[in-house]
PDB file of N, CA and C in Angstrom:
ATOM      1  N   MET A   1      90.134  81.608 129.042  1.00  0.00           N
ATOM      2  CA  MET A   1      90.515  81.421 130.419  1.00  0.00           C
ATOM      3  C   MET A   1      90.950  82.768 130.997  1.00  0.00           C
ATOM      4  N   GLU A   2      90.667  82.968 132.274  1.00  0.00           N
ATOM      5  CA  GLU A   2      91.030  84.211 132.949  1.00  0.00           C
ATOM      6  C   GLU A   2      91.975  83.913 134.106  1.00  0.00           C
ATOM      7  N   GLY A   3      92.772  84.904 134.467  1.00  0.00           N
ATOM      8  CA  GLY A   3      93.701  84.772 135.580  1.00  0.00           C
ATOM      9  C   GLY A   3      93.631  85.980 136.492  1.00  0.00           C
ATOM     10  N   VAL A   4      94.174  85.825 137.690  1.00  0.00           N
ATOM     11  CA  VAL A   4      94.220  86.910 138.665  1.00  0.00           C
ATOM     12  C   VAL A   4      95.655  87.052 139.155  1.00  0.00           C
ATOM     13  N   VAL A   5      96.151  88.282 139.168  1.00  0.00           N
ATOM     14  CA  VAL A   5      97.483  88.584 139.690  1.00  0.00           C
ATOM     15  C   VAL A   5      97.319  89.565 140.839  1.00  0.00           C
ATOM     16  N   LEU A   6      97.829  89.191 142.003  1.00  0.00           N
ATOM     17  CA  LEU A   6      97.782  90.085 143.164  1.00  0.00           C
ATOM     18  C   LEU A   6      99.018  90.968 143.122  1.00  0.00           C
ATOM     19  N   ALA A   7      98.823  92.255 142.950  1.00  0.00           N
ATOM     20  CA  ALA A   7      99.943  93.180 142.766  1.00  0.00           C
ATOM     21  C   ALA A   7      99.871  94.358 143.725  1.00  0.00           C
ATOM     22  N   GLY A   8      99.380  94.128 144.923  1.00  0.00           N
ATOM     23  CA  GLY A   8      99.318  95.190 145.917  1.00  0.00           C
ATOM     24  C   GLY A   8     100.553  95.153 146.804  1.00  0.00           C
ATOM     25  N   GLY A   9     100.521  95.895 147.845  1.00  0.00           N
ATOM     26  CA  GLY A   9     101.611  95.889 148.817  1.00  0.00           C
ATOM     27  C   GLY A   9     102.575  97.047 148.624  1.00  0.00           C
ATOM     28  N   TYR A  10     103.344  97.310 149.652  1.00  0.00           N
ATOM     29  CA  TYR A  10     104.253  98.457 149.649  1.00  0.00           C
ATOM     30  C   TYR A  10     105.710  98.073 149.457  1.00  0.00           C
ATOM     31  N   ALA A  11     106.036  96.802 149.434  1.00  0.00           N
ATOM     32  CA  ALA A  11     107.390  96.313 149.163  1.00  0.00           C
ATOM     33  C   ALA A  11     108.426  96.842 150.138  1.00  0.00           C
ATOM     34  N   THR A  12     108.085  96.869 151.399  1.00  0.00           N
ATOM     35  CA  THR A  12     109.025  97.396 152.387  1.00  0.00           C
ATOM     36  C   THR A  12     110.278  96.540 152.485  1.00  0.00           C
ATOM     37  N   ARG A  13     110.171  95.252 152.213  1.00  0.00           N
ATOM     38  CA  ARG A  13     111.352  94.378 152.284  1.00  0.00           C
ATOM     39  C   ARG A  13     112.256  94.510 151.062  1.00  0.00           C
ATOM     40  N   LEU A  14     111.790  95.166 150.034  1.00  0.00           N
ATOM     41  CA  LEU A  14     112.603  95.352 148.826  1.00  0.00           C
ATOM     42  C   LEU A  14     113.280  96.714 148.769  1.00  0.00           C
ATOM     43  N   ARG A  15     113.127  97.505 149.798  1.00  0.00           N
ATOM     44  CA  ARG A  15     113.771  98.816 149.809  1.00  0.00           C
ATOM     45  C   ARG A  15     115.270  98.645 149.885  1.00  0.00           C
ATOM     46  N   PRO A  16     116.032  99.448 149.210  1.00  0.00           N
ATOM     47  CA  PRO A  16     115.707 100.694 148.538  1.00  0.00           C
ATOM     48  C   PRO A  16     115.266 100.534 147.077  1.00  0.00           C
ATOM     49  N   MET A  17     115.275  99.309 146.532  1.00  0.00           N
ATOM     50  CA  MET A  17     114.907  99.123 145.122  1.00  0.00           C
ATOM     51  C   MET A  17     113.493  99.576 144.828  1.00  0.00           C
ATOM     52  N   SER A  18     112.610  99.484 145.812  1.00  0.00           N
ATOM     53  CA  SER A  18     111.199  99.779 145.573  1.00  0.00           C
ATOM     54  C   SER A  18     110.788 101.181 146.021  1.00  0.00           C
ATOM     55  N   LEU A  19     111.732 102.043 146.305  1.00  0.00           N
ATOM     56  CA  LEU A  19     111.373 103.394 146.726  1.00  0.00           C
ATOM     57  C   LEU A  19     110.791 104.219 145.586  1.00  0.00           C
ATOM     58  N   SER A  20     111.263 104.008 144.377  1.00  0.00           N
ATOM     59  CA  SER A  20     110.793 104.815 143.246  1.00  0.00           C
ATOM     60  C   SER A  20     109.931 104.036 142.259  1.00  0.00           C
ATOM     61  N   VAL A  21     109.840 102.732 142.443  1.00  0.00           N
ATOM     62  CA  VAL A  21     109.066 101.914 141.511  1.00  0.00           C
ATOM     63  C   VAL A  21     108.309 100.847 142.302  1.00  0.00           C
ATOM     64  N   SER A  22     107.126 100.498 141.837  1.00  0.00           N
ATOM     65  CA  SER A  22     106.325  99.461 142.471  1.00  0.00           C
ATOM     66  C   SER A  22     107.084  98.136 142.456  1.00  0.00           C
ATOM     67  N   LYS A  23     106.882  97.292 143.463  1.00  0.00           N
ATOM     68  CA  LYS A  23     107.649  96.051 143.554  1.00  0.00           C
ATOM     69  C   LYS A  23     107.423  95.142 142.348  1.00  0.00           C
ATOM     70  N   GLN A  24     106.258  95.204 141.745  1.00  0.00           N
ATOM     71  CA  GLN A  24     105.986  94.367 140.579  1.00  0.00           C
ATOM     72  C   GLN A  24     106.772  94.833 139.363  1.00  0.00           C
ATOM     73  N   LEU A  25     107.264  96.069 139.402  1.00  0.00           N
ATOM     74  CA  LEU A  25     108.020  96.622 138.281  1.00  0.00           C
ATOM     75  C   LEU A  25     109.528  96.613 138.523  1.00  0.00           C
ATOM     76  N   VAL A  26     109.951  96.059 139.655  1.00  0.00           N
ATOM     77  CA  VAL A  26     111.389  95.909 139.909  1.00  0.00           C
ATOM     78  C   VAL A  26     111.926  94.936 138.862  1.00  0.00           C
ATOM     79  N   PRO A  27     113.011  95.289 138.175  1.00  0.00           N
ATOM     80  CA  PRO A  27     113.513  94.417 137.115  1.00  0.00           C
ATOM     81  C   PRO A  27     114.165  93.145 137.648  1.00  0.00           C
ATOM     82  N   LEU A  28     113.907  92.060 136.954  1.00  0.00           N
ATOM     83  CA  LEU A  28     114.528  90.770 137.208  1.00  0.00           C
ATOM     84  C   LEU A  28     114.958  90.231 135.852  1.00  0.00           C
ATOM     85  N   ALA A  29     116.253  90.113 135.638  1.00  0.00           N
ATOM     86  CA  ALA A  29     116.787  89.685 134.339  1.00  0.00           C
ATOM     87  C   ALA A  29     116.285  90.610 133.226  1.00  0.00           C
ATOM     88  N   ASN A  30     116.379  91.914 133.457  1.00  0.00           N
ATOM     89  CA  ASN A  30     116.031  92.951 132.486  1.00  0.00           C
ATOM     90  C   ASN A  30     114.560  93.011 132.097  1.00  0.00           C
ATOM     91  N   LYS A  31     113.685  92.488 132.941  1.00  0.00           N
ATOM     92  CA  LYS A  31     112.248  92.563 132.689  1.00  0.00           C
ATOM     93  C   LYS A  31     111.552  92.741 134.034  1.00  0.00           C
ATOM     94  N   PRO A  32     110.523  93.585 134.109  1.00  0.00           N
ATOM     95  CA  PRO A  32     109.792  93.723 135.367  1.00  0.00           C
ATOM     96  C   PRO A  32     109.217  92.377 135.822  1.00  0.00           C
ATOM     97  N   ILE A  33     109.157  92.175 137.118  1.00  0.00           N
ATOM     98  CA  ILE A  33     108.658  90.911 137.658  1.00  0.00           C
ATOM     99  C   ILE A  33     107.273  90.587 137.123  1.00  0.00           C
ATOM    100  N   ILE A  34     106.398  91.573 137.066  1.00  0.00           N
ATOM    101  CA  ILE A  34     105.044  91.311 136.568  1.00  0.00           C
ATOM    102  C   ILE A  34     105.063  90.921 135.090  1.00  0.00           C
ATOM    103  N   GLY A  35     106.073  91.359 134.352  1.00  0.00           N
ATOM    104  CA  GLY A  35     106.214  90.967 132.956  1.00  0.00           C
ATOM    105  C   GLY A  35     106.417  89.470 132.810  1.00  0.00           C
ATOM    106  N   TRP A  36     107.212  88.894 133.704  1.00  0.00           N
ATOM    107  CA  TRP A  36     107.422  87.437 133.698  1.00  0.00           C
ATOM    108  C   TRP A  36     106.111  86.713 133.996  1.00  0.00           C
ATOM    109  N   VAL A  37     105.365  87.231 134.956  1.00  0.00           N
ATOM    110  CA  VAL A  37     104.096  86.604 135.340  1.00  0.00           C
ATOM    111  C   VAL A  37     103.099  86.660 134.184  1.00  0.00           C
ATOM    112  N   LEU A  38     102.939  87.830 133.579  1.00  0.00           N
ATOM    113  CA  LEU A  38     101.995  87.968 132.466  1.00  0.00           C
ATOM    114  C   LEU A  38     102.399  87.122 131.267  1.00  0.00           C
ATOM    115  N   GLU A  39     103.690  87.025 131.020  1.00  0.00           N
ATOM    116  CA  GLU A  39     104.187  86.204 129.913  1.00  0.00           C
ATOM    117  C   GLU A  39     103.852  84.726 130.133  1.00  0.00           C
ATOM    118  N   GLN A  40     104.038  84.254 131.351  1.00  0.00           N
ATOM    119  CA  GLN A  40     103.734  82.850 131.657  1.00  0.00           C
ATOM    120  C   GLN A  40     102.238  82.567 131.583  1.00  0.00           C
ATOM    121  N   LEU A  41     101.427  83.517 132.029  1.00  0.00           N
ATOM    122  CA  LEU A  41      99.983  83.342 131.932  1.00  0.00           C
ATOM    123  C   LEU A  41      99.546  83.287 130.463  1.00  0.00           C
ATOM    124  N   ALA A  42     100.095  84.159 129.635  1.00  0.00           N
ATOM    125  CA  ALA A  42      99.757  84.156 128.211  1.00  0.00           C
ATOM    126  C   ALA A  42     100.180  82.834 127.560  1.00  0.00           C
ATOM    127  N   ALA A  43     101.351  82.331 127.933  1.00  0.00           N
ATOM    128  CA  ALA A  43     101.835  81.066 127.382  1.00  0.00           C
ATOM    129  C   ALA A  43     100.944  79.896 127.801  1.00  0.00           C
ATOM    130  N   ALA A  44     100.279  80.036 128.945  1.00  0.00           N
ATOM    131  CA  ALA A  44      99.380  78.989 129.434  1.00  0.00           C
ATOM    132  C   ALA A  44      97.982  79.102 128.834  1.00  0.00           C
ATOM    133  N   GLY A  45      97.776  80.099 127.983  1.00  0.00           N
ATOM    134  CA  GLY A  45      96.489  80.249 127.319  1.00  0.00           C
ATOM    135  C   GLY A  45      95.520  81.210 127.986  1.00  0.00           C
ATOM    136  N   VAL A  46      95.987  81.932 128.986  1.00  0.00           N
ATOM    137  CA  VAL A  46      95.129  82.902 129.662  1.00  0.00           C
ATOM    138  C   VAL A  46      94.944  84.106 128.742  1.00  0.00           C
ATOM    139  N   LYS A  47      93.715  84.463 128.480  1.00  0.00           N
ATOM    140  CA  LYS A  47      93.409  85.564 127.562  1.00  0.00           C
ATOM    141  C   LYS A  47      93.089  86.869 128.272  1.00  0.00           C
ATOM    142  N   ARG A  48      92.657  86.788 129.513  1.00  0.00           N
ATOM    143  CA  ARG A  48      92.273  87.980 130.279  1.00  0.00           C
ATOM    144  C   ARG A  48      92.844  87.849 131.680  1.00  0.00           C
ATOM    145  N   VAL A  49      93.509  88.892 132.137  1.00  0.00           N
ATOM    146  CA  VAL A  49      94.125  88.891 133.461  1.00  0.00           C
ATOM    147  C   VAL A  49      93.549  90.042 134.270  1.00  0.00           C
ATOM    148  N   HIS A  50      93.117  89.739 135.470  1.00  0.00           N
ATOM    149  CA  HIS A  50      92.645  90.748 136.414  1.00  0.00           C
ATOM    150  C   HIS A  50      93.796  91.023 137.375  1.00  0.00           C
ATOM    151  N   ILE A  51      94.251  92.252 137.423  1.00  0.00           N
ATOM    152  CA  ILE A  51      95.355  92.613 138.295  1.00  0.00           C
ATOM    153  C   ILE A  51      94.800  93.409 139.465  1.00  0.00           C
ATOM    154  N   VAL A  52      94.984  92.895 140.669  1.00  0.00           N
ATOM    155  CA  VAL A  52      94.526  93.579 141.876  1.00  0.00           C
ATOM    156  C   VAL A  52      95.685  94.424 142.380  1.00  0.00           C
ATOM    157  N   VAL A  53      95.495  95.727 142.408  1.00  0.00           N
ATOM    158  CA  VAL A  53      96.561  96.654 142.795  1.00  0.00           C
ATOM    159  C   VAL A  53      96.134  97.446 144.019  1.00  0.00           C
ATOM    160  N   GLY A  54      97.089  98.086 144.644  1.00  0.00           N
ATOM    161  CA  GLY A  54      96.792  98.987 145.749  1.00  0.00           C
ATOM    162  C   GLY A  54      96.591 100.388 145.214  1.00  0.00           C
ATOM    163  N   PRO A  55      96.004 101.252 146.005  1.00  0.00           N
ATOM    164  CA  PRO A  55      95.769 102.621 145.548  1.00  0.00           C
ATOM    165  C   PRO A  55      97.062 103.392 145.303  1.00  0.00           C
ATOM    166  N   HIS A  56      98.144 102.959 145.905  1.00  0.00           N
ATOM    167  CA  HIS A  56      99.425 103.652 145.781  1.00  0.00           C
ATOM    168  C   HIS A  56     100.187 103.292 144.515  1.00  0.00           C
ATOM    169  N   ASN A  57      99.882 102.161 143.879  1.00  0.00           N
ATOM    170  CA  ASN A  57     100.664 101.745 142.716  1.00  0.00           C
ATOM    171  C   ASN A  57      99.835 101.530 141.456  1.00  0.00           C
ATOM    172  N   ARG A  58      98.589 101.924 141.489  1.00  0.00           N
ATOM    173  CA  ARG A  58      97.709 101.692 140.341  1.00  0.00           C
ATOM    174  C   ARG A  58      98.232 102.331 139.054  1.00  0.00           C
ATOM    175  N   GLU A  59      98.670 103.581 139.125  1.00  0.00           N
ATOM    176  CA  GLU A  59      99.099 104.282 137.913  1.00  0.00           C
ATOM    177  C   GLU A  59     100.313 103.616 137.277  1.00  0.00           C
ATOM    178  N   GLN A  60     101.291 103.228 138.081  1.00  0.00           N
ATOM    179  CA  GLN A  60     102.489 102.586 137.529  1.00  0.00           C
ATOM    180  C   GLN A  60     102.154 101.253 136.866  1.00  0.00           C
ATOM    181  N   ILE A  61     101.330 100.451 137.525  1.00  0.00           N
ATOM    182  CA  ILE A  61     100.960  99.152 136.963  1.00  0.00           C
ATOM    183  C   ILE A  61     100.096  99.337 135.720  1.00  0.00           C
ATOM    184  N   GLU A  62      99.191 100.301 135.753  1.00  0.00           N
ATOM    185  CA  GLU A  62      98.331 100.570 134.593  1.00  0.00           C
ATOM    186  C   GLU A  62      99.168 100.982 133.383  1.00  0.00           C
ATOM    187  N   GLU A  63     100.148 101.831 133.612  1.00  0.00           N
ATOM    188  CA  GLU A  63     101.017 102.274 132.522  1.00  0.00           C
ATOM    189  C   GLU A  63     101.786 101.098 131.923  1.00  0.00           C
ATOM    190  N   TYR A  64     102.330 100.250 132.768  1.00  0.00           N
ATOM    191  CA  TYR A  64     103.081  99.099 132.255  1.00  0.00           C
ATOM    192  C   TYR A  64     102.154  98.102 131.559  1.00  0.00           C
ATOM    193  N   SER A  65     101.035  97.773 132.191  1.00  0.00           N
ATOM    194  CA  SER A  65     100.172  96.727 131.643  1.00  0.00           C
ATOM    195  C   SER A  65      99.521  97.126 130.323  1.00  0.00           C
ATOM    196  N   SER A  66      99.391  98.418 130.076  1.00  0.00           N
ATOM    197  CA  SER A  66      98.799  98.847 128.804  1.00  0.00           C
ATOM    198  C   SER A  66      99.712  98.542 127.621  1.00  0.00           C
ATOM    199  N   SER A  67     100.985  98.283 127.899  1.00  0.00           N
ATOM    200  CA  SER A  67     101.931  97.996 126.822  1.00  0.00           C
ATOM    201  C   SER A  67     102.112  96.498 126.575  1.00  0.00           C
ATOM    202  N   THR A  68     101.360  95.653 127.290  1.00  0.00           N
ATOM    203  CA  THR A  68     101.520  94.207 127.128  1.00  0.00           C
ATOM    204  C   THR A  68     100.430  93.650 126.225  1.00  0.00           C
ATOM    205  N   ARG A  69     100.629  92.428 125.758  1.00  0.00           N
ATOM    206  CA  ARG A  69      99.678  91.801 124.842  1.00  0.00           C
ATOM    207  C   ARG A  69      98.460  91.226 125.541  1.00  0.00           C
ATOM    208  N   CYS A  70      98.609  90.835 126.779  1.00  0.00           N
ATOM    209  CA  CYS A  70      97.508  90.206 127.515  1.00  0.00           C
ATOM    210  C   CYS A  70      96.539  91.282 127.996  1.00  0.00           C
ATOM    211  N   PHE A  71      95.253  91.066 127.842  1.00  0.00           N
ATOM    212  CA  PHE A  71      94.266  92.062 128.255  1.00  0.00           C
ATOM    213  C   PHE A  71      94.113  92.032 129.770  1.00  0.00           C
ATOM    214  N   GLN A  72      94.218  93.198 130.384  1.00  0.00           N
ATOM    215  CA  GLN A  72      94.120  93.279 131.829  1.00  0.00           C
ATOM    216  C   GLN A  72      93.022  94.234 132.259  1.00  0.00           C
ATOM    217  N   THR A  73      92.471  93.943 133.414  1.00  0.00           N
ATOM    218  CA  THR A  73      91.615  94.902 134.098  1.00  0.00           C
ATOM    219  C   THR A  73      92.236  95.119 135.469  1.00  0.00           C
ATOM    220  N   LEU A  74      92.163  96.333 135.953  1.00  0.00           N
ATOM    221  CA  LEU A  74      92.755  96.665 137.241  1.00  0.00           C
ATOM    222  C   LEU A  74      91.662  96.906 138.262  1.00  0.00           C
ATOM    223  N   GLY A  75      91.870  96.379 139.444  1.00  0.00           N
ATOM    224  CA  GLY A  75      90.946  96.609 140.542  1.00  0.00           C
ATOM    225  C   GLY A  75      91.738  97.021 141.760  1.00  0.00           C
ATOM    226  N   ALA A  76      91.380  98.141 142.358  1.00  0.00           N
ATOM    227  CA  ALA A  76      92.113  98.630 143.526  1.00  0.00           C
ATOM    228  C   ALA A  76      91.592  97.964 144.789  1.00  0.00           C
ATOM    229  N   SER A  77      92.524  97.579 145.653  1.00  0.00           N
ATOM    230  CA  SER A  77      92.159  97.018 146.942  1.00  0.00           C
ATOM    231  C   SER A  77      92.267  98.099 148.007  1.00  0.00           C
ATOM    232  N   SER A  78      91.649  97.845 149.116  1.00  0.00           N
ATOM    233  CA  SER A  78      91.711  98.775 150.238  1.00  0.00           C
ATOM    234  C   SER A  78      93.109  98.734 150.846  1.00  0.00           C
ATOM    235  N   PRO A  79      93.654  99.873 151.245  1.00  0.00           N
ATOM    236  CA  PRO A  79      94.991  99.863 151.836  1.00  0.00           C
ATOM    237  C   PRO A  79      95.053  99.145 153.171  1.00  0.00           C
ATOM    238  N   SER A  80      93.912  98.833 153.773  1.00  0.00           N
ATOM    239  CA  SER A  80      93.930  98.155 155.068  1.00  0.00           C
ATOM    240  C   SER A  80      94.172  96.667 154.946  1.00  0.00           C
ATOM    241  N   PHE A  81      94.026  96.105 153.753  1.00  0.00           N
ATOM    242  CA  PHE A  81      94.259  94.679 153.568  1.00  0.00           C
ATOM    243  C   PHE A  81      95.738  94.398 153.449  1.00  0.00           C
ATOM    244  N   GLY A  82      96.200  93.333 154.095  1.00  0.00           N
ATOM    245  CA  GLY A  82      97.593  92.951 154.002  1.00  0.00           C
ATOM    246  C   GLY A  82      97.833  91.847 153.004  1.00  0.00           C
ATOM    247  N   SER A  83      96.808  91.439 152.277  1.00  0.00           N
ATOM    248  CA  SER A  83      96.944  90.327 151.335  1.00  0.00           C
ATOM    249  C   SER A  83      96.571  90.737 149.929  1.00  0.00           C
ATOM    250  N   GLY A  84      96.772  91.991 149.587  1.00  0.00           N
ATOM    251  CA  GLY A  84      96.444  92.467 148.247  1.00  0.00           C
ATOM    252  C   GLY A  84      94.962  92.503 147.966  1.00  0.00           C
ATOM    253  N   GLY A  85      94.143  92.455 149.003  1.00  0.00           N
ATOM    254  CA  GLY A  85      92.697  92.474 148.797  1.00  0.00           C
ATOM    255  C   GLY A  85      92.140  91.143 148.343  1.00  0.00           C
ATOM    256  N   SER A  86      92.931  90.088 148.486  1.00  0.00           N
ATOM    257  CA  SER A  86      92.495  88.782 147.983  1.00  0.00           C
ATOM    258  C   SER A  86      91.522  88.071 148.904  1.00  0.00           C
ATOM    259  N   THR A  87      91.355  88.572 150.122  1.00  0.00           N
ATOM    260  CA  THR A  87      90.465  87.882 151.058  1.00  0.00           C
ATOM    261  C   THR A  87      89.067  88.457 151.010  1.00  0.00           C
TER     262      THR A  87
END
């Protein structure tokens, strides 16, 4: 089974927490938010996750996702989309 995680956006509503880190990497209960999402997908039997990122946060998400057990592929969305490129 495969899953899709939309991880784009600039996190303007999360400032100042998101000034130095992507919003998906903001810690929640000592774990990045995307870590909780990937963990739940893995527990549901998802073996491959496609993470849609923006051009501004690709490197941070790529660095984090390479350390997780779930296999991910990253796809950059256009910065003009307001929905993480999901449309």
